[in-house]
Amino acid sequence: LLRKRKAEMPGKPNYLSVPSALKELEKIELIRQPNGNYKLDHAVTAIQKVILGAFGLDEKWIKAQARQIGKDIQNAAMPEEQKDDDEDAENEEY
């Protein structure tokens, strides 16, 4: 897919090789905000958009996935907190 996209573009962009594309896409990361929500650390760059476009993906897809992953992380952490509270309640004497 990257090769096909590279052939369509004028010139030969170096960022459409597999190692370069992976390095560029690894820069897309989530950060945790003080309120516990997760969001993209930086905006999706033009180069990242071109690489994602080679796979039929776009910035909206990345943002939707980031939101979903953030929700999954919050939900995964929540039962542990509730579990700890339940264990504390079992050990309490009334």
C-alpha atoms as a PDB file:
ATOM      1  CA  LEU A   1       0.000   0.000   0.000  1.00  0.00           C
ATOM      2  CA  LEU A   2       2.808   2.398   0.811  1.00  0.00           C
ATOM      3  CA  ARG A   3       4.537   1.591  -2.462  1.00  0.00           C
ATOM      4  CA  LYS A   4       1.340   2.287  -4.411  1.00  0.00           C
ATOM      5  CA  ARG A   5       0.852   5.599  -2.609  1.00  0.00           C
ATOM      6  CA  LYS A   6       4.506   6.525  -3.190  1.00  0.00           C
ATOM      7  CA  ALA A   7       4.118   5.892  -6.934  1.00  0.00           C
ATOM      8  CA  GLU A   8       1.090   8.210  -7.076  1.00  0.00           C
ATOM      9  CA  MET A   9       2.943  11.118  -5.458  1.00  0.00           C
ATOM     10  CA  PRO A  10       5.212  13.531  -7.295  1.00  0.00           C
ATOM     11  CA  GLY A  11       8.832  13.027  -6.279  1.00  0.00           C
ATOM     12  CA  LYS A  12       9.915  10.282  -3.916  1.00  0.00           C
ATOM     13  CA  PRO A  13       9.021  11.081  -0.323  1.00  0.00           C
ATOM     14  CA  ASN A  14      11.349   9.295   2.105  1.00  0.00           C
ATOM     15  CA  TYR A  15       8.662   8.958   4.763  1.00  0.00           C
ATOM     16  CA  LEU A  16       6.755   6.332   2.756  1.00  0.00           C
ATOM     17  CA  SER A  17       9.274   3.568   3.413  1.00  0.00           C
ATOM     18  CA  VAL A  18       8.104   1.058   6.009  1.00  0.00           C
ATOM     19  CA  PRO A  19      10.673   1.945   8.713  1.00  0.00           C
ATOM     20  CA  SER A  20      10.100   5.681   8.258  1.00  0.00           C
ATOM     21  CA  ALA A  21       6.326   5.273   8.260  1.00  0.00           C
ATOM     22  CA  LEU A  22       6.446   3.240  11.473  1.00  0.00           C
ATOM     23  CA  LYS A  23       8.665   5.811  13.177  1.00  0.00           C
ATOM     24  CA  GLU A  24       6.317   8.589  12.108  1.00  0.00           C
ATOM     25  CA  LEU A  25       3.183   6.762  13.284  1.00  0.00           C
ATOM     26  CA  GLU A  26       4.788   5.897  16.636  1.00  0.00           C
ATOM     27  CA  LYS A  27       4.715   9.608  17.400  1.00  0.00           C
ATOM     28  CA  ILE A  28       0.923   9.436  17.737  1.00  0.00           C
ATOM     29  CA  GLU A  29       0.395   8.991  21.460  1.00  0.00           C
ATOM     30  CA  LEU A  30      -2.145   9.613  24.191  1.00  0.00           C
ATOM     31  CA  ILE A  31      -1.541  11.557  27.376  1.00  0.00           C
ATOM     32  CA  ARG A  32      -3.523  11.499  30.588  1.00  0.00           C
ATOM     33  CA  GLN A  33      -5.019  14.792  31.677  1.00  0.00           C
ATOM     34  CA  PRO A  34      -5.361  15.765  35.348  1.00  0.00           C
ATOM     35  CA  ASN A  35      -9.090  14.972  35.275  1.00  0.00           C
ATOM     36  CA  GLY A  36      -8.344  11.373  34.233  1.00  0.00           C
ATOM     37  CA  ASN A  37      -9.314  11.711  30.582  1.00  0.00           C
ATOM     38  CA  TYR A  38      -6.949  10.741  27.792  1.00  0.00           C
ATOM     39  CA  LYS A  39      -6.331  12.741  24.627  1.00  0.00           C
ATOM     40  CA  LEU A  40      -3.892  12.918  21.736  1.00  0.00           C
ATOM     41  CA  ASP A  41      -0.603  14.488  22.777  1.00  0.00           C
ATOM     42  CA  HIS A  42      -0.203  16.377  19.481  1.00  0.00           C
ATOM     43  CA  ALA A  43      -2.286  17.024  16.386  1.00  0.00           C
ATOM     44  CA  VAL A  44      -1.924  14.542  13.532  1.00  0.00           C
ATOM     45  CA  THR A  45       0.723  15.931  11.162  1.00  0.00           C
ATOM     46  CA  ALA A  46       0.443  16.214   7.385  1.00  0.00           C
ATOM     47  CA  ILE A  47       2.982  13.404   6.921  1.00  0.00           C
ATOM     48  CA  GLN A  48       1.012  11.156   9.280  1.00  0.00           C
ATOM     49  CA  LYS A  49      -2.169  11.954   7.334  1.00  0.00           C
ATOM     50  CA  VAL A  50      -0.495  10.891   4.065  1.00  0.00           C
ATOM     51  CA  ILE A  51       0.699   7.627   5.615  1.00  0.00           C
ATOM     52  CA  LEU A  52      -2.718   6.922   7.136  1.00  0.00           C
ATOM     53  CA  GLY A  53      -4.353   7.747   3.800  1.00  0.00           C
ATOM     54  CA  ALA A  54      -2.334   4.953   2.184  1.00  0.00           C
ATOM     55  CA  PHE A  55      -4.247   2.538   4.419  1.00  0.00           C
ATOM     56  CA  GLY A  56      -7.630   4.198   3.932  1.00  0.00           C
ATOM     57  CA  LEU A  57      -7.576   5.880   7.343  1.00  0.00           C
ATOM     58  CA  ASP A  58      -7.878   9.536   8.255  1.00  0.00           C
ATOM     59  CA  GLU A  59      -7.533  11.936  11.170  1.00  0.00           C
ATOM     60  CA  LYS A  60     -11.148  11.381  12.259  1.00  0.00           C
ATOM     61  CA  TRP A  61     -10.493   7.648  12.581  1.00  0.00           C
ATOM     62  CA  ILE A  62      -7.407   8.307  14.727  1.00  0.00           C
ATOM     63  CA  LYS A  63      -9.348  10.661  17.006  1.00  0.00           C
ATOM     64  CA  ALA A  64     -12.208   8.165  17.349  1.00  0.00           C
ATOM     65  CA  GLN A  65      -9.757   5.378  18.209  1.00  0.00           C
ATOM     66  CA  ALA A  66      -8.010   7.629  20.733  1.00  0.00           C
ATOM     67  CA  ARG A  67     -11.338   8.385  22.430  1.00  0.00           C
ATOM     68  CA  GLN A  68     -12.231   4.689  22.543  1.00  0.00           C
ATOM     69  CA  ILE A  69      -8.833   3.669  23.915  1.00  0.00           C
ATOM     70  CA  GLY A  70      -9.093   6.401  26.564  1.00  0.00           C
ATOM     71  CA  LYS A  71     -12.502   5.097  27.631  1.00  0.00           C
ATOM     72  CA  ASP A  72     -11.192   1.521  27.710  1.00  0.00           C
ATOM     73  CA  ILE A  73      -8.269   2.557  29.912  1.00  0.00           C
ATOM     74  CA  GLN A  74     -10.573   4.419  32.302  1.00  0.00           C
ATOM     75  CA  ASN A  75     -12.987   1.476  32.479  1.00  0.00           C
ATOM     76  CA  ALA A  76     -10.138  -0.970  33.060  1.00  0.00           C
ATOM     77  CA  ALA A  77      -8.830   1.109  35.956  1.00  0.00           C
ATOM     78  CA  MET A  78     -12.244   1.688  37.521  1.00  0.00           C
ATOM     79  CA  PRO A  79     -13.039  -1.903  38.600  1.00  0.00           C
ATOM     80  CA  GLU A  80      -9.711  -2.111  40.455  1.00  0.00           C
ATOM     81  CA  GLU A  81     -10.621   0.953  42.490  1.00  0.00           C
ATOM     82  CA  GLN A  82     -14.069  -0.461  43.213  1.00  0.00           C
ATOM     83  CA  LYS A  83     -12.528  -3.831  44.039  1.00  0.00           C
ATOM     84  CA  ASP A  84     -10.207  -2.230  46.594  1.00  0.00           C
ATOM     85  CA  ASP A  85     -13.164  -0.429  48.172  1.00  0.00           C
ATOM     86  CA  ASP A  86     -15.119  -3.702  48.402  1.00  0.00           C
ATOM     87  CA  GLU A  87     -12.192  -5.500  50.060  1.00  0.00           C
ATOM     88  CA  ASP A  88     -11.872  -2.712  52.613  1.00  0.00           C
ATOM     89  CA  ALA A  89     -15.576  -2.991  53.386  1.00  0.00           C
ATOM     90  CA  GLU A  90     -15.268  -6.754  54.027  1.00  0.00           C
ATOM     91  CA  ASN A  91     -12.520  -6.216  56.599  1.00  0.00           C
ATOM     92  CA  GLU A  92     -14.401  -3.565  58.536  1.00  0.00           C
ATOM     93  CA  GLU A  93     -16.097  -4.523  61.759  1.00  0.00           C
ATOM     94  CA  TYR A  94     -19.375  -2.960  62.750  1.00  0.00           C
END
